[in-house]
Amino acid sequence: MNTVEPNVILRGGASPYLTDDQRIRYVEDTDDNLKLLRGNRYEHFEPTAESETHDGMQLRVFVWLGVTKLAE
């Protein structure tokens, strides 16, 4: 059973592959950019100095940078 608590929230972007529930997650290194494989593309996010409280948890805010598609 995975007991790691979420530590970031992802903001921005309009990916149909990234639901609201998937935007709250655990990231091992909260100082590095995040690259998520979703469908046929990568969603890119970068950390900010901002944080917010969600369900009693302090989460670091990552903002959307853009998307890159997989090579075919």
N, C-alpha and C. Protein backbone atom coordinates (compact mmCIF):
# COMPACT_ATOMS: atom_id res chain seq x y z
N MET A 1 0.84 -1.19 0.00
CA MET A 1 0.00 0.00 0.00
C MET A 1 0.88 1.24 0.00
N ASN A 2 0.60 2.18 -0.90
CA ASN A 2 1.37 3.40 -1.01
C ASN A 2 0.81 4.44 -0.04
N THR A 3 1.64 4.92 0.88
CA THR A 3 1.18 5.88 1.88
C THR A 3 1.83 7.25 1.71
N VAL A 4 2.43 7.50 0.56
CA VAL A 4 3.06 8.79 0.30
C VAL A 4 1.97 9.83 0.08
N GLU A 5 2.05 10.92 0.83
CA GLU A 5 1.04 11.98 0.71
C GLU A 5 1.40 12.95 -0.41
N PRO A 6 0.39 13.50 -1.06
CA PRO A 6 0.64 14.49 -2.11
C PRO A 6 1.39 15.69 -1.55
N ASN A 7 2.23 16.29 -2.40
CA ASN A 7 2.97 17.47 -1.97
C ASN A 7 2.93 18.60 -2.99
N VAL A 8 2.29 18.37 -4.16
CA VAL A 8 2.18 19.43 -5.17
C VAL A 8 0.78 19.43 -5.79
N ILE A 9 0.46 20.59 -6.37
CA ILE A 9 -0.76 20.72 -7.16
C ILE A 9 -0.36 21.35 -8.49
N LEU A 10 -0.91 20.83 -9.58
CA LEU A 10 -0.57 21.29 -10.92
C LEU A 10 -1.62 22.26 -11.41
N ARG A 11 -1.19 23.42 -11.88
CA ARG A 11 -2.10 24.46 -12.36
C ARG A 11 -1.85 24.75 -13.83
N GLY A 12 -2.92 25.02 -14.56
CA GLY A 12 -2.83 25.44 -15.94
C GLY A 12 -2.87 24.29 -16.93
N GLY A 13 -2.87 24.66 -18.20
CA GLY A 13 -2.96 23.66 -19.26
C GLY A 13 -4.40 23.22 -19.45
N ALA A 14 -4.64 22.63 -20.59
CA ALA A 14 -6.00 22.18 -20.91
C ALA A 14 -5.99 20.74 -21.41
N SER A 15 -5.17 19.92 -20.82
CA SER A 15 -5.03 18.54 -21.29
C SER A 15 -6.26 17.71 -20.95
N PRO A 16 -6.82 17.01 -21.94
CA PRO A 16 -7.91 16.08 -21.64
C PRO A 16 -7.40 14.83 -20.94
N TYR A 17 -6.08 14.66 -20.89
CA TYR A 17 -5.47 13.48 -20.27
C TYR A 17 -5.12 13.69 -18.80
N LEU A 18 -5.38 14.89 -18.28
CA LEU A 18 -5.02 15.20 -16.91
C LEU A 18 -6.25 15.69 -16.16
N THR A 19 -6.86 14.81 -15.37
CA THR A 19 -8.08 15.15 -14.64
C THR A 19 -7.75 15.98 -13.40
N ASP A 20 -8.75 16.57 -12.81
CA ASP A 20 -8.56 17.36 -11.59
C ASP A 20 -7.93 16.51 -10.48
N ASP A 21 -8.35 15.26 -10.35
CA ASP A 21 -7.81 14.37 -9.33
C ASP A 21 -6.32 14.08 -9.55
N GLN A 22 -5.88 14.06 -10.81
CA GLN A 22 -4.49 13.77 -11.12
C GLN A 22 -3.59 14.99 -10.93
N ARG A 23 -4.16 16.14 -10.71
CA ARG A 23 -3.38 17.36 -10.53
C ARG A 23 -2.82 17.49 -9.11
N ILE A 24 -3.31 16.71 -8.19
CA ILE A 24 -2.78 16.69 -6.82
C ILE A 24 -2.00 15.40 -6.69
N ARG A 25 -0.70 15.53 -6.49
CA ARG A 25 0.14 14.34 -6.54
C ARG A 25 1.41 14.51 -5.71
N TYR A 26 2.13 13.41 -5.58
CA TYR A 26 3.44 13.42 -4.93
C TYR A 26 4.52 13.55 -6.00
N VAL A 27 5.46 14.45 -5.78
CA VAL A 27 6.62 14.63 -6.65
C VAL A 27 7.86 14.47 -5.77
N GLU A 28 8.77 13.62 -6.20
CA GLU A 28 9.96 13.35 -5.40
C GLU A 28 10.82 14.59 -5.19
N ASP A 29 11.10 15.34 -6.26
CA ASP A 29 11.93 16.54 -6.15
C ASP A 29 11.08 17.75 -6.52
N THR A 30 10.66 18.52 -5.54
CA THR A 30 9.77 19.65 -5.78
C THR A 30 10.51 20.89 -6.30
N ASP A 31 11.81 20.78 -6.52
CA ASP A 31 12.57 21.89 -7.09
C ASP A 31 12.85 21.70 -8.58
N ASP A 32 12.53 20.54 -9.11
CA ASP A 32 12.76 20.24 -10.53
C ASP A 32 11.48 20.37 -11.34
N ASN A 33 11.64 20.68 -12.62
CA ASN A 33 10.49 20.66 -13.52
C ASN A 33 9.92 19.25 -13.59
N LEU A 34 8.64 19.17 -13.89
CA LEU A 34 7.94 17.90 -13.95
C LEU A 34 7.50 17.64 -15.39
N LYS A 35 7.71 16.43 -15.86
CA LYS A 35 7.33 16.02 -17.22
C LYS A 35 6.46 14.78 -17.08
N LEU A 36 5.18 14.90 -17.42
CA LEU A 36 4.22 13.80 -17.27
C LEU A 36 3.81 13.26 -18.63
N LEU A 37 3.92 11.96 -18.81
CA LEU A 37 3.44 11.33 -20.04
C LEU A 37 1.93 11.14 -19.90
N ARG A 38 1.19 11.74 -20.82
CA ARG A 38 -0.27 11.63 -20.84
C ARG A 38 -0.71 11.42 -22.28
N GLY A 39 -1.27 10.25 -22.55
CA GLY A 39 -1.71 9.96 -23.91
C GLY A 39 -0.51 9.94 -24.85
N ASN A 40 -0.56 10.74 -25.89
CA ASN A 40 0.51 10.79 -26.88
C ASN A 40 1.40 12.02 -26.72
N ARG A 41 1.47 12.54 -25.49
CA ARG A 41 2.20 13.79 -25.28
C ARG A 41 2.75 13.87 -23.86
N TYR A 42 3.69 14.78 -23.68
CA TYR A 42 4.22 15.10 -22.36
C TYR A 42 3.68 16.46 -21.95
N GLU A 43 3.18 16.54 -20.74
CA GLU A 43 2.76 17.80 -20.13
C GLU A 43 3.92 18.27 -19.26
N HIS A 44 4.33 19.53 -19.41
CA HIS A 44 5.48 20.06 -18.69
C HIS A 44 5.01 21.11 -17.67
N PHE A 45 5.53 20.99 -16.45
CA PHE A 45 5.19 21.91 -15.36
C PHE A 45 6.47 22.34 -14.66
N GLU A 46 6.44 23.56 -14.10
CA GLU A 46 7.59 24.03 -13.32
C GLU A 46 7.12 24.48 -11.94
N PRO A 47 7.99 24.30 -10.94
CA PRO A 47 7.62 24.71 -9.58
C PRO A 47 7.62 26.22 -9.44
N THR A 48 6.77 26.71 -8.55
CA THR A 48 6.73 28.13 -8.20
C THR A 48 7.06 28.27 -6.72
N ALA A 49 7.18 29.49 -6.27
CA ALA A 49 7.39 29.75 -4.84
C ALA A 49 6.06 29.71 -4.08
N GLU A 50 4.97 29.60 -4.82
CA GLU A 50 3.62 29.62 -4.25
C GLU A 50 3.24 28.25 -3.66
N SER A 51 2.40 28.29 -2.64
CA SER A 51 1.84 27.05 -2.09
C SER A 51 0.39 27.32 -1.70
N GLU A 52 -0.36 26.25 -1.55
CA GLU A 52 -1.76 26.38 -1.10
C GLU A 52 -2.14 25.17 -0.26
N THR A 53 -3.15 25.35 0.54
CA THR A 53 -3.64 24.28 1.40
C THR A 53 -4.82 23.60 0.73
N HIS A 54 -4.78 22.29 0.66
CA HIS A 54 -5.86 21.50 0.07
C HIS A 54 -6.12 20.31 0.98
N ASP A 55 -7.33 20.21 1.50
CA ASP A 55 -7.69 19.13 2.44
C ASP A 55 -6.70 19.03 3.60
N GLY A 56 -6.27 20.18 4.11
CA GLY A 56 -5.37 20.20 5.26
C GLY A 56 -3.90 19.94 4.93
N MET A 57 -3.58 19.76 3.65
CA MET A 57 -2.19 19.51 3.24
C MET A 57 -1.62 20.74 2.55
N GLN A 58 -0.40 21.09 2.88
CA GLN A 58 0.29 22.19 2.22
C GLN A 58 0.91 21.66 0.93
N LEU A 59 0.51 22.22 -0.22
CA LEU A 59 0.97 21.74 -1.52
C LEU A 59 1.72 22.84 -2.26
N ARG A 60 2.84 22.50 -2.83
CA ARG A 60 3.58 23.45 -3.67
C ARG A 60 2.89 23.52 -5.03
N VAL A 61 2.77 24.73 -5.55
CA VAL A 61 2.10 24.94 -6.84
C VAL A 61 3.11 24.82 -7.97
N PHE A 62 2.77 23.97 -8.95
CA PHE A 62 3.51 23.87 -10.20
C PHE A 62 2.63 24.44 -11.30
N VAL A 63 3.20 25.19 -12.22
CA VAL A 63 2.42 25.78 -13.31
C VAL A 63 2.81 25.14 -14.64
N TRP A 64 1.83 25.08 -15.50
CA TRP A 64 1.99 24.45 -16.82
C TRP A 64 2.88 25.30 -17.70
N LEU A 65 3.82 24.65 -18.38
CA LEU A 65 4.73 25.33 -19.30
C LEU A 65 4.34 25.08 -20.76
N GLY A 66 3.85 23.90 -21.03
CA GLY A 66 3.51 23.56 -22.40
C GLY A 66 3.47 22.05 -22.58
N VAL A 67 3.43 21.65 -23.84
CA VAL A 67 3.28 20.25 -24.17
C VAL A 67 4.23 19.90 -25.32
N THR A 68 4.73 18.68 -25.30
CA THR A 68 5.46 18.15 -26.44
C THR A 68 4.83 16.83 -26.82
N LYS A 69 4.75 16.57 -28.11
CA LYS A 69 4.15 15.33 -28.59
C LYS A 69 5.24 14.28 -28.80
N LEU A 70 4.84 13.02 -28.65
CA LEU A 70 5.77 11.92 -28.88
C LEU A 70 6.08 11.81 -30.37
N ALA A 71 7.28 11.41 -30.68
CA ALA A 71 7.64 11.18 -32.08
C ALA A 71 6.95 9.91 -32.57
N GLU A 72 6.51 9.94 -33.79
CA GLU A 72 5.80 8.77 -34.32
C GLU A 72 6.71 7.89 -35.12
